[in-house]
Amino acid sequence: MKGKSGGRPKKPDYNVHRALDMYWSKKYTIAQITEATGISKTTLYRYLDN
């Protein structure tokens, strides 16, 4: 597969950073973060593990 990458495209970085900032601020629930950024709970936790 020359020149092709498999799998689902990654979320835009600004949404990920926004979600992480919201999480670390302790002002928002996980549900509010996922609603505002469009990032799933599972994806958010995956980024928090790294």
N, C-alpha and C. Protein backbone atom coordinates (compact mmCIF):
# COMPACT_ATOMS: atom_id res chain seq x y z
N MET A 1 0.85 -1.19 0.00
CA MET A 1 0.00 0.00 0.00
C MET A 1 0.88 1.24 0.00
N LYS A 2 1.41 1.54 -1.12
CA LYS A 2 2.32 2.67 -1.23
C LYS A 2 1.53 3.98 -1.21
N GLY A 3 1.89 4.87 -0.27
CA GLY A 3 1.25 6.17 -0.21
C GLY A 3 -0.11 6.19 0.47
N LYS A 4 -0.52 5.07 1.01
CA LYS A 4 -1.82 5.01 1.67
C LYS A 4 -1.63 4.63 3.13
N SER A 5 -2.45 5.22 3.99
CA SER A 5 -2.41 4.82 5.39
C SER A 5 -3.78 4.28 5.77
N GLY A 6 -3.77 3.24 6.56
CA GLY A 6 -5.02 2.61 6.93
C GLY A 6 -5.58 3.17 8.22
N GLY A 7 -6.79 2.80 8.52
CA GLY A 7 -7.41 3.19 9.78
C GLY A 7 -8.19 4.48 9.69
N ARG A 8 -8.82 4.79 10.80
CA ARG A 8 -9.65 5.98 10.90
C ARG A 8 -8.78 7.22 11.07
N PRO A 9 -9.16 8.34 10.42
CA PRO A 9 -8.37 9.56 10.59
C PRO A 9 -8.39 10.04 12.04
N LYS A 10 -7.29 10.63 12.48
CA LYS A 10 -7.20 11.14 13.85
C LYS A 10 -8.02 12.40 14.00
N LYS A 11 -8.43 12.69 15.25
CA LYS A 11 -9.17 13.91 15.55
C LYS A 11 -8.22 15.10 15.42
N PRO A 12 -8.73 16.28 15.03
CA PRO A 12 -7.87 17.46 14.97
C PRO A 12 -7.24 17.76 16.33
N ASP A 13 -5.97 18.16 16.31
CA ASP A 13 -5.22 18.40 17.54
C ASP A 13 -5.86 19.44 18.44
N TYR A 14 -6.45 20.49 17.84
CA TYR A 14 -7.02 21.56 18.68
C TYR A 14 -8.17 21.04 19.54
N ASN A 15 -8.95 20.10 19.00
CA ASN A 15 -10.05 19.51 19.79
C ASN A 15 -9.50 18.66 20.93
N VAL A 16 -8.44 17.95 20.67
CA VAL A 16 -7.83 17.11 21.70
C VAL A 16 -7.28 17.99 22.81
N HIS A 17 -6.53 19.03 22.45
CA HIS A 17 -5.96 19.93 23.46
C HIS A 17 -7.06 20.62 24.26
N ARG A 18 -8.11 21.01 23.57
CA ARG A 18 -9.24 21.66 24.25
C ARG A 18 -9.89 20.71 25.26
N ALA A 19 -10.08 19.47 24.84
CA ALA A 19 -10.69 18.47 25.72
C ALA A 19 -9.80 18.21 26.94
N LEU A 20 -8.50 18.11 26.73
CA LEU A 20 -7.59 17.87 27.85
C LEU A 20 -7.56 19.05 28.79
N ASP A 21 -7.56 20.26 28.25
CA ASP A 21 -7.59 21.46 29.10
C ASP A 21 -8.87 21.51 29.93
N MET A 22 -9.99 21.17 29.31
CA MET A 22 -11.26 21.15 30.02
C MET A 22 -11.23 20.10 31.14
N TYR A 23 -10.64 18.95 30.85
CA TYR A 23 -10.57 17.87 31.84
C TYR A 23 -9.73 18.30 33.04
N TRP A 24 -8.54 18.86 32.76
CA TRP A 24 -7.61 19.24 33.83
C TRP A 24 -8.10 20.44 34.64
N SER A 25 -8.99 21.24 34.06
CA SER A 25 -9.50 22.40 34.80
C SER A 25 -10.46 21.98 35.92
N LYS A 26 -10.96 20.74 35.86
CA LYS A 26 -11.89 20.19 36.86
C LYS A 26 -13.22 20.95 36.93
N LYS A 27 -13.55 21.72 35.90
CA LYS A 27 -14.79 22.50 35.88
C LYS A 27 -15.89 21.81 35.07
N TYR A 28 -15.52 20.78 34.32
CA TYR A 28 -16.46 20.14 33.40
C TYR A 28 -16.56 18.65 33.68
N THR A 29 -17.72 18.09 33.40
CA THR A 29 -17.89 16.64 33.49
C THR A 29 -17.41 16.02 32.19
N ILE A 30 -17.18 14.72 32.21
CA ILE A 30 -16.77 14.02 30.99
C ILE A 30 -17.84 14.19 29.91
N ALA A 31 -19.10 14.12 30.30
CA ALA A 31 -20.20 14.27 29.34
C ALA A 31 -20.16 15.66 28.68
N GLN A 32 -19.88 16.69 29.47
CA GLN A 32 -19.81 18.05 28.91
C GLN A 32 -18.62 18.18 27.95
N ILE A 33 -17.52 17.56 28.29
CA ILE A 33 -16.33 17.63 27.43
C ILE A 33 -16.59 16.93 26.10
N THR A 34 -17.19 15.73 26.16
CA THR A 34 -17.45 14.99 24.92
C THR A 34 -18.46 15.73 24.05
N GLU A 35 -19.44 16.37 24.66
CA GLU A 35 -20.44 17.14 23.92
C GLU A 35 -19.80 18.35 23.23
N ALA A 36 -18.94 19.06 23.94
CA ALA A 36 -18.35 20.30 23.42
C ALA A 36 -17.29 20.06 22.36
N THR A 37 -16.54 18.95 22.48
CA THR A 37 -15.41 18.74 21.57
C THR A 37 -15.65 17.69 20.50
N GLY A 38 -16.64 16.84 20.69
CA GLY A 38 -16.90 15.78 19.72
C GLY A 38 -15.96 14.60 19.86
N ILE A 39 -15.22 14.56 20.97
CA ILE A 39 -14.30 13.46 21.23
C ILE A 39 -14.99 12.49 22.19
N SER A 40 -14.93 11.22 21.87
CA SER A 40 -15.60 10.23 22.72
C SER A 40 -14.87 10.07 24.04
N LYS A 41 -15.58 9.52 25.01
CA LYS A 41 -15.01 9.28 26.33
C LYS A 41 -13.80 8.36 26.23
N THR A 42 -13.92 7.32 25.41
CA THR A 42 -12.82 6.36 25.25
C THR A 42 -11.59 7.04 24.68
N THR A 43 -11.78 7.89 23.67
CA THR A 43 -10.67 8.60 23.06
C THR A 43 -10.02 9.55 24.05
N LEU A 44 -10.83 10.23 24.83
CA LEU A 44 -10.30 11.15 25.84
C LEU A 44 -9.43 10.39 26.83
N TYR A 45 -9.91 9.27 27.34
CA TYR A 45 -9.13 8.49 28.29
C TYR A 45 -7.85 7.93 27.65
N ARG A 46 -7.89 7.60 26.37
CA ARG A 46 -6.71 7.10 25.67
C ARG A 46 -5.63 8.21 25.65
N TYR A 47 -6.04 9.45 25.37
CA TYR A 47 -5.07 10.54 25.37
C TYR A 47 -4.56 10.84 26.78
N LEU A 48 -5.39 10.67 27.80
CA LEU A 48 -4.96 10.90 29.17
C LEU A 48 -3.94 9.87 29.62
N ASP A 49 -4.01 8.65 29.10
CA ASP A 49 -3.06 7.61 29.45
C ASP A 49 -1.67 7.89 28.89
N ASN A 50 -1.62 8.63 27.78
CA ASN A 50 -0.33 8.90 27.12
C ASN A 50 0.33 10.11 27.61
